[in-house]
């Protein structure tokens, strides 16, 4: 399995991302990959659910930088890319499906 170095989406074994056209590389356990997009008002719920299951995660505003604890001003409608290490992808995706965030 490969992931895009530009949009972080998982791709089959293509050298070019099917979503954005970016370059891909082979995903290893620590590779940070996209699970889904999450609205700002759901970010805290998703983060706590994943962390309760022992899944490290990060939220990236595609327009800006990685979310961090200092940046607490969050627009409720801003969409964030939810990323997790590749080794946790399946479990994180299943949790997101259960919350109605992915299909």
C-alpha atoms as a PDB file:
ATOM      1  CA  UNK A   1       0.000   0.000   0.000  1.00  0.00           C
ATOM      2  CA  UNK A   2       1.216   3.509  -0.805  1.00  0.00           C
ATOM      3  CA  UNK A   3       0.224   6.939   0.478  1.00  0.00           C
ATOM      4  CA  UNK A   4       0.365  10.371  -1.086  1.00  0.00           C
ATOM      5  CA  UNK A   5       3.038  12.676   0.290  1.00  0.00           C
ATOM      6  CA  UNK A   6       0.890  15.689  -0.637  1.00  0.00           C
ATOM      7  CA  UNK A   7      -2.673  14.870   0.535  1.00  0.00           C
ATOM      8  CA  UNK A   8      -1.809  11.799   2.709  1.00  0.00           C
ATOM      9  CA  UNK A   9      -4.504   9.622   1.077  1.00  0.00           C
ATOM     10  CA  UNK A  10      -3.920   5.892   0.774  1.00  0.00           C
ATOM     11  CA  UNK A  11      -3.429   4.641  -2.772  1.00  0.00           C
ATOM     12  CA  UNK A  12      -2.948   1.261  -4.355  1.00  0.00           C
ATOM     13  CA  UNK A  13       0.521   0.628  -5.667  1.00  0.00           C
ATOM     14  CA  UNK A  14       0.516   3.576  -8.076  1.00  0.00           C
ATOM     15  CA  UNK A  15       3.385   6.073  -8.167  1.00  0.00           C
ATOM     16  CA  UNK A  16       0.886   8.920  -8.560  1.00  0.00           C
ATOM     17  CA  UNK A  17      -2.018   9.761  -6.226  1.00  0.00           C
ATOM     18  CA  UNK A  18      -5.422   9.055  -7.763  1.00  0.00           C
ATOM     19  CA  UNK A  19      -6.902  11.976  -5.796  1.00  0.00           C
ATOM     20  CA  UNK A  20      -4.481  14.879  -6.196  1.00  0.00           C
ATOM     21  CA  UNK A  21      -1.788  13.649  -8.577  1.00  0.00           C
ATOM     22  CA  UNK A  22       0.962  13.920  -5.972  1.00  0.00           C
ATOM     23  CA  UNK A  23       3.845  11.505  -5.586  1.00  0.00           C
ATOM     24  CA  UNK A  24       3.297   8.386  -3.509  1.00  0.00           C
ATOM     25  CA  UNK A  25       5.584   6.289  -1.370  1.00  0.00           C
ATOM     26  CA  UNK A  26       5.244   2.952   0.357  1.00  0.00           C
ATOM     27  CA  UNK A  27       3.426   3.202   3.687  1.00  0.00           C
ATOM     28  CA  UNK A  28       5.275   1.851   6.696  1.00  0.00           C
ATOM     29  CA  UNK A  29       3.820   1.479  10.203  1.00  0.00           C
ATOM     30  CA  UNK A  30       4.814   5.014  11.226  1.00  0.00           C
ATOM     31  CA  UNK A  31       3.663   6.748   8.031  1.00  0.00           C
ATOM     32  CA  UNK A  32       1.018   9.364   8.811  1.00  0.00           C
ATOM     33  CA  UNK A  33      -1.984   8.711   6.556  1.00  0.00           C
ATOM     34  CA  UNK A  34      -5.364  10.366   6.035  1.00  0.00           C
ATOM     35  CA  UNK A  35      -8.410   8.641   7.519  1.00  0.00           C
ATOM     36  CA  UNK A  36     -11.127  11.190   6.717  1.00  0.00           C
ATOM     37  CA  UNK A  37     -12.070  14.867   6.935  1.00  0.00           C
ATOM     38  CA  UNK A  38     -13.472  16.099  10.265  1.00  0.00           C
ATOM     39  CA  UNK A  39     -15.424  19.322  10.901  1.00  0.00           C
ATOM     40  CA  UNK A  40     -13.952  21.555  13.589  1.00  0.00           C
ATOM     41  CA  UNK A  41     -16.880  21.116  15.977  1.00  0.00           C
ATOM     42  CA  UNK A  42     -16.314  17.322  15.979  1.00  0.00           C
ATOM     43  CA  UNK A  43     -12.540  17.419  16.355  1.00  0.00           C
ATOM     44  CA  UNK A  44     -12.498  17.124  20.166  1.00  0.00           C
ATOM     45  CA  UNK A  45     -14.933  14.175  20.128  1.00  0.00           C
ATOM     46  CA  UNK A  46     -12.974  12.309  17.463  1.00  0.00           C
ATOM     47  CA  UNK A  47      -9.637  13.022  19.133  1.00  0.00           C
ATOM     48  CA  UNK A  48     -10.809  11.796  22.538  1.00  0.00           C
ATOM     49  CA  UNK A  49     -12.422   8.667  21.039  1.00  0.00           C
ATOM     50  CA  UNK A  50      -9.249   7.703  19.182  1.00  0.00           C
ATOM     51  CA  UNK A  51      -6.941   8.479  22.092  1.00  0.00           C
ATOM     52  CA  UNK A  52      -9.170   6.436  24.453  1.00  0.00           C
ATOM     53  CA  UNK A  53      -8.481   3.476  22.132  1.00  0.00           C
ATOM     54  CA  UNK A  54      -4.744   4.200  22.167  1.00  0.00           C
ATOM     55  CA  UNK A  55      -4.675   5.592  18.625  1.00  0.00           C
ATOM     56  CA  UNK A  56      -2.387   8.599  18.166  1.00  0.00           C
ATOM     57  CA  UNK A  57      -3.833  11.188  15.809  1.00  0.00           C
ATOM     58  CA  UNK A  58      -3.349  14.662  14.457  1.00  0.00           C
ATOM     59  CA  UNK A  59      -5.594  17.149  12.714  1.00  0.00           C
ATOM     60  CA  UNK A  60      -4.334  19.285   9.878  1.00  0.00           C
ATOM     61  CA  UNK A  61      -6.087  22.265   8.402  1.00  0.00           C
ATOM     62  CA  UNK A  62      -5.246  21.931   4.709  1.00  0.00           C
ATOM     63  CA  UNK A  63      -5.084  25.719   4.563  1.00  0.00           C
ATOM     64  CA  UNK A  64      -2.730  26.091   7.545  1.00  0.00           C
ATOM     65  CA  UNK A  65      -0.491  23.980   9.793  1.00  0.00           C
ATOM     66  CA  UNK A  66      -0.949  21.066  12.159  1.00  0.00           C
ATOM     67  CA  UNK A  67      -3.458  21.721  14.959  1.00  0.00           C
ATOM     68  CA  UNK A  68      -1.852  21.992  18.360  1.00  0.00           C
ATOM     69  CA  UNK A  69      -3.008  22.743  21.898  1.00  0.00           C
ATOM     70  CA  UNK A  70      -1.936  26.396  21.654  1.00  0.00           C
ATOM     71  CA  UNK A  71      -4.202  27.020  18.664  1.00  0.00           C
ATOM     72  CA  UNK A  72      -7.554  26.698  20.462  1.00  0.00           C
ATOM     73  CA  UNK A  73      -9.505  29.049  18.199  1.00  0.00           C
ATOM     74  CA  UNK A  74     -11.259  26.624  15.856  1.00  0.00           C
ATOM     75  CA  UNK A  75     -13.953  27.458  13.342  1.00  0.00           C
ATOM     76  CA  UNK A  76     -16.770  24.923  13.795  1.00  0.00           C
ATOM     77  CA  UNK A  77     -17.121  24.444  10.034  1.00  0.00           C
ATOM     78  CA  UNK A  78     -13.422  24.246   9.165  1.00  0.00           C
ATOM     79  CA  UNK A  79     -12.582  20.799   7.834  1.00  0.00           C
ATOM     80  CA  UNK A  80      -9.466  19.111   9.153  1.00  0.00           C
ATOM     81  CA  UNK A  81      -7.599  16.145   7.743  1.00  0.00           C
ATOM     82  CA  UNK A  82      -7.531  13.401  10.372  1.00  0.00           C
ATOM     83  CA  UNK A  83      -4.212  11.545  10.164  1.00  0.00           C
ATOM     84  CA  UNK A  84      -3.036   8.503  12.071  1.00  0.00           C
ATOM     85  CA  UNK A  85       0.005   6.237  11.791  1.00  0.00           C
ATOM     86  CA  UNK A  86      -0.578   3.617   9.079  1.00  0.00           C
ATOM     87  CA  UNK A  87      -0.447   0.797  11.644  1.00  0.00           C
ATOM     88  CA  UNK A  88      -3.634   2.237  13.265  1.00  0.00           C
ATOM     89  CA  UNK A  89      -5.460   3.088  10.035  1.00  0.00           C
ATOM     90  CA  UNK A  90      -7.958   0.191   9.978  1.00  0.00           C
ATOM     91  CA  UNK A  91      -9.027   0.641  13.589  1.00  0.00           C
ATOM     92  CA  UNK A  92      -9.300   4.432  13.231  1.00  0.00           C
ATOM     93  CA  UNK A  93     -11.293   4.086  10.005  1.00  0.00           C
ATOM     94  CA  UNK A  94     -13.714   1.626  11.635  1.00  0.00           C
ATOM     95  CA  UNK A  95     -14.245   4.033  14.555  1.00  0.00           C
ATOM     96  CA  UNK A  96     -14.890   6.900  12.141  1.00  0.00           C
ATOM     97  CA  UNK A  97     -17.419   4.771  10.229  1.00  0.00           C
ATOM     98  CA  UNK A  98     -19.148   4.032  13.543  1.00  0.00           C
ATOM     99  CA  UNK A  99     -19.343   7.769  14.268  1.00  0.00           C
ATOM    100  CA  UNK A 100     -20.760   8.451  10.793  1.00  0.00           C
ATOM    101  CA  UNK A 101     -17.682  10.364   9.626  1.00  0.00           C
ATOM    102  CA  UNK A 102     -16.535   7.961   6.928  1.00  0.00           C
ATOM    103  CA  UNK A 103     -18.082   5.359   4.662  1.00  0.00           C
END
